[in-house]
Protein backbone atom coordinates (compact mmCIF):
# COMPACT_ATOMS: atom_id res chain seq x y z
CA MET A 1 41.10 14.75 77.87
CA LEU A 2 38.99 14.91 74.76
CA LYS A 3 40.87 17.94 73.48
CA LEU A 4 44.14 16.30 74.22
CA GLY A 5 43.11 13.22 72.34
CA ALA A 6 42.04 15.34 69.40
CA ALA A 7 45.38 17.12 69.41
CA GLN A 8 47.17 13.82 69.45
CA MET A 9 45.11 12.64 66.50
CA VAL A 10 45.94 15.77 64.53
CA LEU A 11 49.61 15.35 65.40
CA GLY A 12 49.46 11.75 64.28
CA VAL A 13 48.05 12.74 60.87
CA GLN A 14 50.76 15.37 60.43
CA LEU A 15 53.42 12.83 61.37
CA GLN A 16 51.99 10.39 58.83
CA ARG A 17 52.31 13.05 56.14
CA ALA A 18 55.86 13.79 57.27
CA SER A 19 56.78 10.12 57.20
CA ARG A 20 55.47 9.81 53.65
CA LEU A 21 57.51 12.80 52.56
CA SER A 22 60.58 11.44 54.27
CA LEU A 23 60.63 8.40 51.98
CA ALA A 24 61.71 10.41 48.96
CA PRO A 25 65.38 10.83 50.03
CA CYS A 26 65.52 7.11 50.75
CA LEU A 27 64.38 6.31 47.25
CA ARG A 28 66.87 8.75 45.79
CA THR A 29 69.72 7.13 47.70
CA GLY A 30 68.92 3.73 46.25
CA LEU A 31 67.09 2.17 49.21
CA SER A 32 63.92 0.29 48.46
CA ARG A 33 60.54 1.37 49.77
CA ALA A 34 60.23 -1.80 51.82
CA SER A 35 63.61 -1.26 53.51
CA ALA A 36 62.73 2.32 54.33
CA ILE A 37 59.43 1.34 55.88
CA SER A 38 60.91 -1.55 57.82
CA GLN A 39 63.26 0.84 59.71
CA PRO A 40 62.00 1.70 63.22
CA SER A 41 60.55 5.13 63.85
CA ILE A 42 62.86 7.76 65.21
CA HIS A 43 60.52 8.84 67.99
CA PRO A 44 58.99 6.14 70.20
CA LEU A 45 55.62 7.90 70.24
CA LEU A 46 55.39 8.26 66.48
CA PRO A 47 53.31 5.48 64.84
CA THR A 48 54.69 3.46 61.94
CA VAL A 49 52.41 3.43 58.87
CA LEU A 50 52.55 0.38 56.58
CA PRO A 51 50.97 0.73 53.11
CA VAL A 52 48.18 -1.75 52.40
CA ARG A 53 47.85 -3.26 48.93
CA GLN A 54 44.30 -2.58 47.80
CA SER A 55 43.53 -5.72 45.76
CA SER A 56 40.73 -8.23 45.72
CA PHE A 57 39.90 -11.44 43.94
CA TYR A 58 36.62 -9.95 42.75
CA LYS A 59 38.45 -7.03 41.09
CA ALA A 60 40.74 -9.35 39.07
CA GLY A 61 40.18 -9.86 35.37
CA GLY A 62 37.94 -12.68 34.23
CA SER A 63 38.64 -15.60 31.95
CA ASP A 64 37.85 -13.57 28.82
CA GLU A 65 41.21 -11.80 29.03
CA LEU A 66 43.04 -15.12 29.29
CA TRP A 67 41.16 -16.55 26.30
CA LYS A 68 42.05 -13.43 24.28
CA THR A 69 45.74 -13.97 24.96
CA MET A 70 45.51 -17.59 23.76
CA ALA A 71 43.23 -17.03 20.78
CA GLY A 72 44.15 -13.49 19.77
CA VAL A 73 45.13 -12.72 16.19
CA SER A 74 46.61 -9.49 14.91
CA GLN A 75 44.97 -7.39 12.22
CA GLN A 76 47.52 -8.55 9.66
CA GLY A 77 46.80 -12.14 10.62
CA LYS A 78 43.06 -11.64 10.19
CA LYS A 79 43.59 -10.30 6.69
CA ARG A 80 45.53 -13.42 5.77
CA GLY A 81 42.89 -15.74 7.14
CA ARG A 82 44.61 -16.84 10.35
CA ALA A 83 41.55 -16.15 12.49
CA LYS A 84 39.66 -19.15 11.07
CA ASN A 85 41.62 -21.83 12.89
CA THR A 86 42.12 -20.05 16.21
CA MET A 87 41.28 -21.66 19.50
CA LYS A 88 37.62 -21.23 20.44
CA LYS A 89 36.45 -20.39 23.92
CA LYS A 90 35.60 -23.50 25.97
CA ASP A 91 33.56 -23.89 29.12
CA LEU A 92 35.99 -25.78 31.36
CA ASN A 93 33.40 -25.93 34.18
CA ARG A 94 30.75 -27.64 32.09
CA GLY A 95 28.63 -30.01 34.18
CA GLN A 96 29.99 -28.84 37.56
CA ARG A 97 27.63 -27.39 40.18
CA LEU A 98 28.34 -25.14 43.15
CA GLY A 99 28.20 -26.80 46.53
CA TYR A 100 29.26 -30.29 45.39
CA GLY A 101 32.81 -31.32 46.28
CA LYS A 102 34.97 -34.11 47.63
CA ALA A 103 34.37 -32.91 51.21
CA LYS A 104 30.72 -34.06 50.79
CA ILE A 105 29.28 -31.15 52.78
CA ALA A 106 25.64 -30.18 52.22
CA TRP A 107 25.85 -26.41 52.01
CA PRO A 108 22.57 -24.61 52.70
CA VAL A 109 20.82 -23.02 49.72
CA LEU A 110 23.33 -24.67 47.31
CA VAL A 111 22.50 -28.31 48.13
CA HIS A 112 19.45 -28.24 50.37
CA LYS A 113 17.00 -25.69 51.73
CA ALA A 114 18.16 -23.03 54.16
CA THR A 115 15.30 -23.72 56.60
CA GLY A 116 13.59 -26.93 57.54
CA THR A 117 10.40 -27.82 59.42
CA GLN A 118 10.37 -29.78 62.64
CA LYS A 119 7.37 -31.27 64.41
CA GLY A 120 5.99 -28.92 67.02
CA LYS A 121 8.68 -26.29 66.45
CA GLY A 122 7.76 -24.91 63.03
CA GLU A 123 10.52 -23.69 60.79
CA ALA A 124 14.08 -23.94 62.01
CA GLU A 125 17.38 -23.06 60.36
CA ALA A 126 19.29 -26.00 58.90
CA GLY A 127 23.02 -25.45 59.26
CA ILE A 128 25.97 -27.03 57.57
CA VAL A 129 25.57 -30.81 57.67
CA GLU A 130 27.10 -33.77 55.89
CA MET A 131 25.77 -34.73 52.50
CA LYS A 132 23.57 -37.80 52.34
CA GLU A 133 24.97 -40.95 50.82
CA GLY A 134 24.40 -41.37 47.09
CA ILE A 135 23.94 -37.66 46.29
CA TYR A 136 27.63 -37.03 45.53
CA GLU A 137 27.92 -40.35 43.61
CA ARG A 138 24.96 -39.42 41.39
CA TYR A 139 26.49 -35.99 40.79
CA GLN A 140 29.83 -37.61 39.87
CA GLN A 141 28.16 -39.98 37.38
CA THR A 142 26.27 -37.11 35.76
CA LEU A 143 29.50 -35.09 35.52
CA ASP A 144 31.38 -37.98 33.86
CA GLU A 145 28.59 -38.48 31.32
CA GLU A 146 28.59 -34.76 30.51
CA ARG A 147 32.36 -34.75 30.01
CA LYS A 148 32.27 -37.79 27.73
CA LYS A 149 29.46 -36.30 25.67
CA ASN A 150 31.18 -32.93 25.19
CA SER A 151 34.86 -33.83 25.41
CA TYR A 152 37.41 -31.33 24.08
CA GLY A 153 40.15 -33.91 23.47
CA GLY A 154 43.14 -34.80 25.59
CA ARG A 155 42.29 -36.92 28.61
CA GLY A 156 38.56 -36.64 27.92
CA ARG A 157 38.89 -38.08 24.42
CA LYS A 158 36.41 -40.83 23.64
CA PHE A 159 37.84 -44.33 23.48
CA THR A 160 38.10 -45.85 20.01
CA HIS A 161 38.79 -49.47 19.16
CA PRO A 162 42.35 -50.16 17.95
CA LEU A 163 41.04 -51.40 14.60
CA ASP A 164 39.21 -48.08 14.07
CA ARG A 165 42.11 -45.76 14.93
CA GLY A 166 43.58 -45.75 11.46
CA TRP A 167 47.18 -46.20 10.41
CA ALA A 168 48.85 -43.72 12.74
CA GLY A 169 46.48 -43.33 15.70
CA GLY A 170 46.23 -39.55 15.99
CA ARG A 171 46.03 -38.90 12.25
CA PRO A 172 42.90 -39.39 10.15
CA LEU A 173 44.56 -41.62 7.53
CA GLY A 174 43.09 -45.11 7.54
CA LYS A 175 40.04 -44.19 9.63
CA LYS A 176 36.54 -45.24 8.63
CA PHE A 177 33.82 -42.68 8.01
CA GLY A 178 30.74 -44.83 7.56
CA PRO A 179 28.53 -45.36 4.49
CA PRO A 180 27.60 -42.67 1.95
CA LEU A 181 24.34 -40.78 2.43
CA ALA A 182 21.50 -41.65 0.04
CA THR A 183 19.41 -38.94 -1.60
CA ASN A 184 16.42 -41.25 -1.46
CA LYS A 185 15.52 -41.66 2.20
CA GLU A 186 13.98 -45.08 1.55
CA ILE A 187 17.37 -46.51 0.51
CA THR A 188 20.23 -47.03 2.95
CA PHE A 189 23.84 -48.12 2.45
CA ASP A 190 24.31 -49.86 5.78
CA ASN A 191 26.50 -52.59 4.27
CA PHE A 192 28.94 -50.01 2.84
CA GLU A 193 32.03 -48.64 4.56
CA THR A 194 34.37 -45.79 3.64
CA ILE A 195 38.06 -45.42 4.48
CA LEU A 196 40.36 -42.40 4.13
CA LEU A 197 43.49 -43.11 2.08
CA GLU A 198 45.07 -39.65 1.78
CA PHE A 199 44.49 -36.22 3.32
CA LYS A 200 46.88 -33.41 2.46
CA THR A 201 47.02 -29.64 2.05
CA VAL A 202 47.89 -28.28 -1.39
CA TYR A 203 48.75 -24.72 -2.43
CA HIS A 204 48.57 -22.62 -5.54
CA MET A 205 49.71 -19.03 -6.03
CA THR A 206 47.31 -16.37 -7.31
CA GLY A 207 47.87 -12.77 -8.24
CA ASN A 208 45.21 -11.29 -5.93
CA LEU A 209 44.93 -13.64 -2.97
CA GLY A 210 48.53 -14.81 -2.86
CA ARG A 211 49.08 -18.39 -1.74
CA VAL A 212 45.71 -20.12 -1.52
CA ARG A 213 45.33 -23.36 0.42
CA ARG A 214 42.87 -26.19 0.02
CA ASN A 215 42.57 -29.85 1.02
CA SER A 216 42.97 -32.87 -1.23
CA ILE A 217 41.11 -35.96 0.02
CA LEU A 218 41.39 -39.49 -1.39
CA MET A 219 38.49 -41.63 -0.17
CA CYS A 220 37.57 -45.22 -0.98
CA THR A 221 34.21 -46.91 -0.32
CA GLY A 222 32.83 -50.40 -0.86
CA ASN A 223 30.49 -53.09 0.44
CA GLY A 224 32.98 -55.95 0.78
CA GLN A 225 31.22 -57.95 -1.95
CA GLY A 226 32.87 -56.67 -5.14
CA ALA A 227 31.55 -53.10 -5.32
CA VAL A 228 34.26 -50.49 -4.79
CA GLY A 229 34.78 -46.84 -5.69
CA PHE A 230 37.26 -44.07 -4.95
CA THR A 231 37.49 -40.34 -5.53
CA VAL A 232 39.99 -37.50 -5.21
CA SER A 233 37.93 -34.65 -3.81
CA ALA A 234 38.87 -31.04 -3.10
CA GLY A 235 37.86 -29.45 0.19
CA LYS A 236 37.94 -25.95 1.59
CA TYR A 237 40.85 -25.35 3.95
CA GLY A 238 39.71 -25.24 7.57
CA GLN A 239 36.41 -27.05 6.96
CA ASN A 240 37.61 -30.62 7.34
CA GLN A 241 34.42 -32.32 8.50
CA LYS A 242 32.36 -30.85 5.70
CA ALA A 243 35.00 -31.79 3.11
CA LEU A 244 35.27 -35.36 4.43
CA ARG A 245 31.51 -35.89 4.29
CA LYS A 246 31.45 -34.51 0.76
CA SER A 247 34.22 -36.89 -0.36
CA VAL A 248 32.40 -39.88 1.19
CA ASN A 249 29.27 -39.14 -0.82
CA LYS A 250 31.30 -38.43 -3.94
CA ALA A 251 33.07 -41.81 -3.68
CA GLY A 252 29.68 -43.51 -3.55
CA LEU A 253 28.83 -42.06 -6.98
CA ARG A 254 31.86 -43.67 -8.65
CA MET A 255 31.28 -47.36 -7.99
CA VAL A 256 32.59 -50.22 -10.14
CA TYR A 257 32.26 -53.99 -9.78
CA VAL A 258 35.36 -56.18 -9.43
CA ASP A 259 35.31 -59.90 -10.33
CA ARG A 260 36.70 -62.15 -7.59
CA TYR A 261 37.80 -65.76 -7.75
CA GLU A 262 35.99 -67.86 -5.11
CA ASP A 263 34.88 -64.52 -3.57
CA ARG A 264 38.29 -64.12 -1.90
CA THR A 265 41.08 -63.30 -4.38
CA VAL A 266 41.83 -62.17 -7.94
CA TYR A 267 41.33 -64.46 -10.94
CA HIS A 268 44.98 -64.49 -12.00
CA ASP A 269 48.33 -62.78 -11.54
CA PHE A 270 48.67 -59.48 -13.36
CA PHE A 271 50.92 -56.48 -13.87
CA THR A 272 49.53 -52.96 -13.75
CA GLN A 273 51.04 -49.51 -14.04
CA PHE A 274 49.97 -45.90 -13.65
CA GLY A 275 52.53 -43.16 -14.08
CA HIS A 276 55.76 -44.24 -12.38
CA SER A 277 53.98 -46.70 -10.07
CA LYS A 278 54.28 -50.38 -11.04
CA ILE A 279 52.47 -53.20 -9.21
CA PHE A 280 52.86 -56.98 -9.55
CA VAL A 281 49.82 -58.78 -8.12
CA GLN A 282 49.68 -62.49 -7.31
CA GLN A 283 46.76 -64.78 -6.56
CA GLN A 284 47.18 -66.63 -3.24
CA PRO A 285 45.63 -69.71 -1.55
CA PRO A 286 43.03 -69.48 1.25
CA GLY A 287 44.35 -68.22 4.56
CA TYR A 288 47.30 -66.33 3.06
CA GLY A 289 45.93 -62.90 3.91
CA ILE A 290 46.81 -59.58 2.28
CA ARG A 291 50.48 -58.59 2.06
CA ALA A 292 50.67 -55.36 0.16
CA HIS A 293 50.86 -51.58 0.40
CA ARG A 294 48.44 -50.23 2.99
CA ALA A 295 46.41 -48.38 0.34
CA ILE A 296 46.06 -51.64 -1.63
CA LYS A 297 45.14 -53.44 1.58
CA ALA A 298 42.36 -50.91 2.25
CA ILE A 299 40.95 -51.29 -1.28
CA CYS A 300 40.97 -55.09 -0.91
CA GLN A 301 39.11 -54.72 2.35
CA MET A 302 36.49 -52.52 0.70
CA CYS A 303 35.90 -54.85 -2.27
CA GLY A 304 36.12 -58.17 -0.36
CA ILE A 305 39.52 -59.57 -1.44
CA LYS A 306 41.02 -61.64 1.40
CA ASP A 307 44.10 -63.38 -0.08
CA LEU A 308 46.57 -61.37 -2.14
CA TYR A 309 50.22 -60.50 -2.57
CA ALA A 310 51.22 -57.25 -4.28
CA LYS A 311 54.73 -55.92 -4.87
CA CYS A 312 55.09 -52.20 -5.62
CA GLU A 313 57.99 -50.75 -7.58
CA GLY A 314 58.83 -47.23 -8.62
CA SER A 315 56.82 -44.36 -7.19
CA LEU A 316 54.82 -44.99 -4.02
CA ASN A 317 52.55 -41.98 -4.52
CA VAL A 318 49.23 -42.99 -2.93
CA GLN A 319 47.05 -41.70 -5.75
CA SER A 320 49.16 -43.45 -8.41
CA VAL A 321 49.17 -46.72 -6.45
CA VAL A 322 45.38 -46.65 -5.99
CA LYS A 323 44.71 -45.83 -9.65
CA ALA A 324 47.11 -48.51 -10.87
CA PHE A 325 45.62 -51.21 -8.63
CA VAL A 326 41.99 -50.41 -9.50
CA LEU A 327 42.93 -50.32 -13.20
CA GLY A 328 44.49 -53.78 -12.85
CA LEU A 329 41.40 -55.14 -11.09
CA LEU A 330 39.17 -53.93 -13.92
CA ARG A 331 41.45 -55.37 -16.63
CA GLN A 332 41.68 -58.88 -15.21
CA ARG A 333 39.92 -61.62 -17.17
CA THR A 334 38.00 -64.57 -15.82
CA HIS A 335 39.17 -68.14 -16.40
CA GLN A 336 36.32 -68.72 -18.84
CA ALA A 337 37.27 -65.64 -20.85
CA LEU A 338 40.88 -66.85 -21.11
CA ALA A 339 39.80 -70.33 -22.20
CA ASP A 340 37.48 -68.88 -24.87
CA GLU A 341 40.23 -66.54 -26.10
CA LYS A 342 42.86 -69.29 -26.51
CA GLN A 343 40.40 -72.08 -27.42
CA LEU A 344 42.27 -74.33 -24.97
CA HIS A 345 41.70 -75.94 -21.61
CA LEU A 346 42.90 -73.90 -18.64
CA VAL A 347 44.65 -76.23 -16.19
CA GLU A 348 45.66 -75.19 -12.65
CA MET A 349 48.60 -76.74 -10.78
CA ARG A 350 49.23 -75.34 -7.32
CA LYS A 351 51.89 -76.07 -4.72
CA GLU A 352 49.39 -76.64 -1.90
CA SER A 353 47.74 -79.42 -3.97
CA ASP A 354 51.13 -81.01 -4.82
CA TYR A 355 50.93 -79.63 -8.37
CA TYR A 356 48.08 -82.00 -9.25
CA PRO A 357 46.53 -80.75 -12.54
CA ARG A 358 42.95 -79.52 -12.34
CA VAL A 359 40.90 -78.13 -15.22
CA VAL A 360 39.32 -74.85 -14.16
CA ALA A 361 37.86 -73.72 -17.50
CA SER A 362 37.18 -75.05 -21.00
CA PRO A 363 36.01 -73.34 -24.21
CA SER A 364 32.29 -72.63 -23.98
CA ASP A 365 31.62 -73.82 -27.55
CA GLY A 366 33.40 -77.13 -26.87
CA LYS A 367 35.93 -76.69 -29.68
CA VAL A 368 39.52 -77.19 -28.51
CA ARG A 369 42.48 -76.57 -30.78
CA THR A 370 44.86 -79.43 -31.54
CA GLN A 371 48.64 -79.32 -31.44
CA GLU A 372 48.79 -78.75 -35.22
CA GLU A 373 46.48 -75.70 -34.97
CA ILE A 374 48.65 -73.99 -32.38
CA ASP A 375 51.26 -71.69 -33.91
CA HIS A 376 54.84 -72.53 -32.98
CA ASN A 377 55.49 -68.89 -32.02
CA GLU A 378 52.39 -68.59 -29.83
CA ILE A 379 53.13 -67.89 -26.16
CA LEU A 380 51.30 -70.27 -23.84
CA ASP A 381 53.18 -69.42 -20.65
CA PHE A 382 50.45 -68.22 -18.31
CA GLU A 383 52.74 -65.83 -16.41
CA MET A 384 53.83 -64.17 -19.65
CA ILE A 385 50.17 -63.80 -20.68
CA SER A 386 48.91 -62.52 -17.32
CA PHE A 387 51.86 -60.20 -16.68
CA GLU A 388 51.73 -58.97 -20.31
CA GLY A 389 55.45 -59.53 -20.83
CA HIS A 390 56.48 -57.83 -17.58
CA LYS A 391 57.42 -61.06 -15.86
CA PRO A 392 58.99 -60.20 -12.47
CA GLN A 393 62.23 -61.54 -11.12
CA TRP A 394 61.07 -62.98 -7.82
CA ARG A 395 63.80 -63.20 -5.20
CA PRO A 396 64.38 -66.39 -3.19
CA GLY A 397 61.87 -66.57 -0.35
CA GLN A 398 59.32 -64.26 -2.01
CA SER A 399 55.89 -65.45 -3.00
CA GLY A 400 56.30 -66.99 -6.47
CA GLY A 401 60.08 -67.20 -6.25
CA PRO A 402 62.39 -70.09 -5.42
CA GLU A 403 62.79 -71.33 -1.88
CA LYS A 404 65.25 -69.47 0.26
CA GLN A 405 68.46 -71.47 0.71
CA ASN A 406 71.30 -71.24 3.17
CA PRO A 407 74.10 -69.32 1.44
CA TRP A 408 76.73 -71.51 3.18
CA GLU A 409 75.44 -74.80 1.79
CA LEU A 410 77.61 -74.53 -1.34
CA SER A 411 80.78 -73.71 0.60
CA PRO A 412 83.41 -76.48 1.07
CA GLY A 413 83.28 -76.23 4.86
CA TRP A 414 79.52 -76.82 5.18
CA GLY A 415 79.90 -80.62 5.27
CA LYS A 416 82.60 -80.36 7.91
CA HIS A 417 80.31 -78.15 9.97
CA LEU A 418 77.49 -80.72 9.80
CA ARG A 419 79.82 -83.60 10.77
CA ARG A 420 81.26 -81.64 13.68
CA ASN A 421 77.82 -80.91 15.16
CA TYR A 422 76.29 -84.28 14.37
CA ALA A 423 76.97 -85.73 17.84
CA ALA A 424 75.49 -82.74 19.64
CA GLN A 425 72.40 -82.67 17.42
CA ALA A 426 71.80 -86.44 17.81
CA ALA A 427 72.40 -86.50 21.59
CA HIS A 428 68.72 -86.28 22.56
CA SER A 429 67.61 -89.04 20.19
CA VAL A 430 70.46 -91.34 21.35
CA ARG A 431 69.66 -90.83 25.05
CA ARG A 432 65.98 -91.51 24.38
CA ARG A 433 66.82 -94.72 22.48
CA MET A 434 69.09 -95.93 25.32
CA ARG A 435 66.38 -95.41 27.93
CA ILE A 436 63.89 -97.28 25.77
CA GLU A 437 66.28 -100.22 25.31
CA LYS A 438 67.73 -100.47 28.86
CA GLY A 439 64.99 -99.02 31.03
CA PRO A 440 64.66 -95.85 33.17
CA GLU A 441 67.06 -96.99 35.96
CA TRP A 442 70.48 -95.47 36.50
CA GLY A 443 73.16 -96.68 34.09
CA ALA A 444 70.91 -96.87 31.04
CA VAL A 445 72.62 -93.86 29.45
CA SER A 446 76.30 -94.66 29.06
CA SER A 447 79.14 -94.46 26.57
CA HIS A 448 79.98 -97.21 24.10
CA LEU A 449 83.25 -97.58 26.05
CA TYR A 450 81.41 -98.38 29.30
CA GLN A 451 82.75 -101.94 29.42
CA LYS A 452 86.35 -100.73 29.32
CA TYR A 453 85.85 -97.52 31.30
CA PRO A 454 83.06 -97.92 33.89
CA GLU A 455 83.20 -94.22 34.80
CA CYS A 456 81.82 -93.28 31.36
CA VAL A 457 78.25 -93.24 32.63
CA GLU A 458 75.79 -90.53 33.53
CA ARG A 459 75.78 -89.29 37.10
CA ASP A 460 73.54 -90.93 39.66
CA TRP A 461 71.73 -87.72 40.51
CA PRO A 462 69.47 -89.18 43.26
CA LYS A 463 72.58 -90.49 45.05
CA TYR A 464 74.43 -87.15 44.83
CA THR A 465 71.35 -85.25 45.93
CA ARG A 466 70.95 -87.49 48.99
CA MET A 467 74.63 -87.04 49.90
CA SER A 468 74.33 -83.26 49.61
CA ARG A 469 71.31 -83.18 51.93
CA GLU A 470 73.07 -85.34 54.51
CA ARG A 471 76.15 -83.09 54.45
CA LYS A 472 74.07 -79.94 54.90
CA ALA A 473 72.17 -81.52 57.76
CA ALA A 474 75.43 -82.49 59.47
CA GLU A 475 76.82 -78.96 59.13
CA GLY A 476 73.65 -77.51 60.55
CA ASP A 477 73.91 -79.70 63.67
């Protein structure tokens, strides 16, 4: 029996070899390997051999190969500097520990000891048990703190206040970068703040390196109390954080002081220009706010101006707008300087004070020119003096311009329109007057023809409501 079994085993091996060789004609005829294997054996005693795929999870490639496919750069790309901004390898399992999961199972060795001691029995094996309450919650809290501390962006991005997100949310423009760093460690600039006005990439062509890129950063800093400074700083392409910190410190070295009227607005209206950018600036009353270009609004926030209106014309290049506005702030003159220059009283008449005249400045030496001493060709119009001859044409409804009027008021049909709608517009006041005169009971509101036509009276709504309820109750019965 043993020999027979051995012979059968040898026969089986030979048949396996024959079956493997018999697959070749099937492949040549166009049949697939799977279809050839799935066919039943010709002889009932011959075993069917199915190939087994020799693969394992532990033999598969690791995460390094996947990171190479995402962050790989060719040799030509490395020569041109494309390897600087490639995606870096990230630990996506940071903070996670083996054995801790939503099933809350205390796996031995991973969560607790493999053996435990019992009274009178010595050491005993501790199997798979449920995790104690509070262990998984503490692990989850630790994991959330680790993810917030080392977030890679996306869903794990740290929450920022809407006022600190900048102008466009995901972009750095308009974001605040804190105060400049002091060389002297004993001095701090805690009351200063810095805001990013422009961040762009610029190029220039060279003969050896080809097209070279760098960053251009426009940063503005101030303390909100008159001190303000800005700078246009160059940064190395790809090193944004280092370039931003450098521009913050550089802006702190270029500080100027801006005079403010009542610590909230400019001293007077003025016109300023830089390049093709023209700006008309107006002084505004308390509570008006800042209505201007966003770069001008940021500079006002840095230097402490709260009420202002600025109208930009021409080019809206950010650097030109910033330079023009700062130049206009530095060129403005105080009320006392204007009074000393003209040797006249400076009188203010504002709309919010019903144009009541108020003297805001007088010559410091007390000498005021008379009417005979003033030249007949001398310009005393304050807007012409402050705007330097560039007096703007304010449109109706704009700050400084005439009040906005209805364009149909001058048409011949406007009066007819008012007369036609007079009854409808006065209906509420007439009804209220009738109720006051005749009382709140029914019949107080009626037509002037009520004596002749008694039906010209408002409906008795309580009566009709009662009748409707009675009818519905009768239909329901």
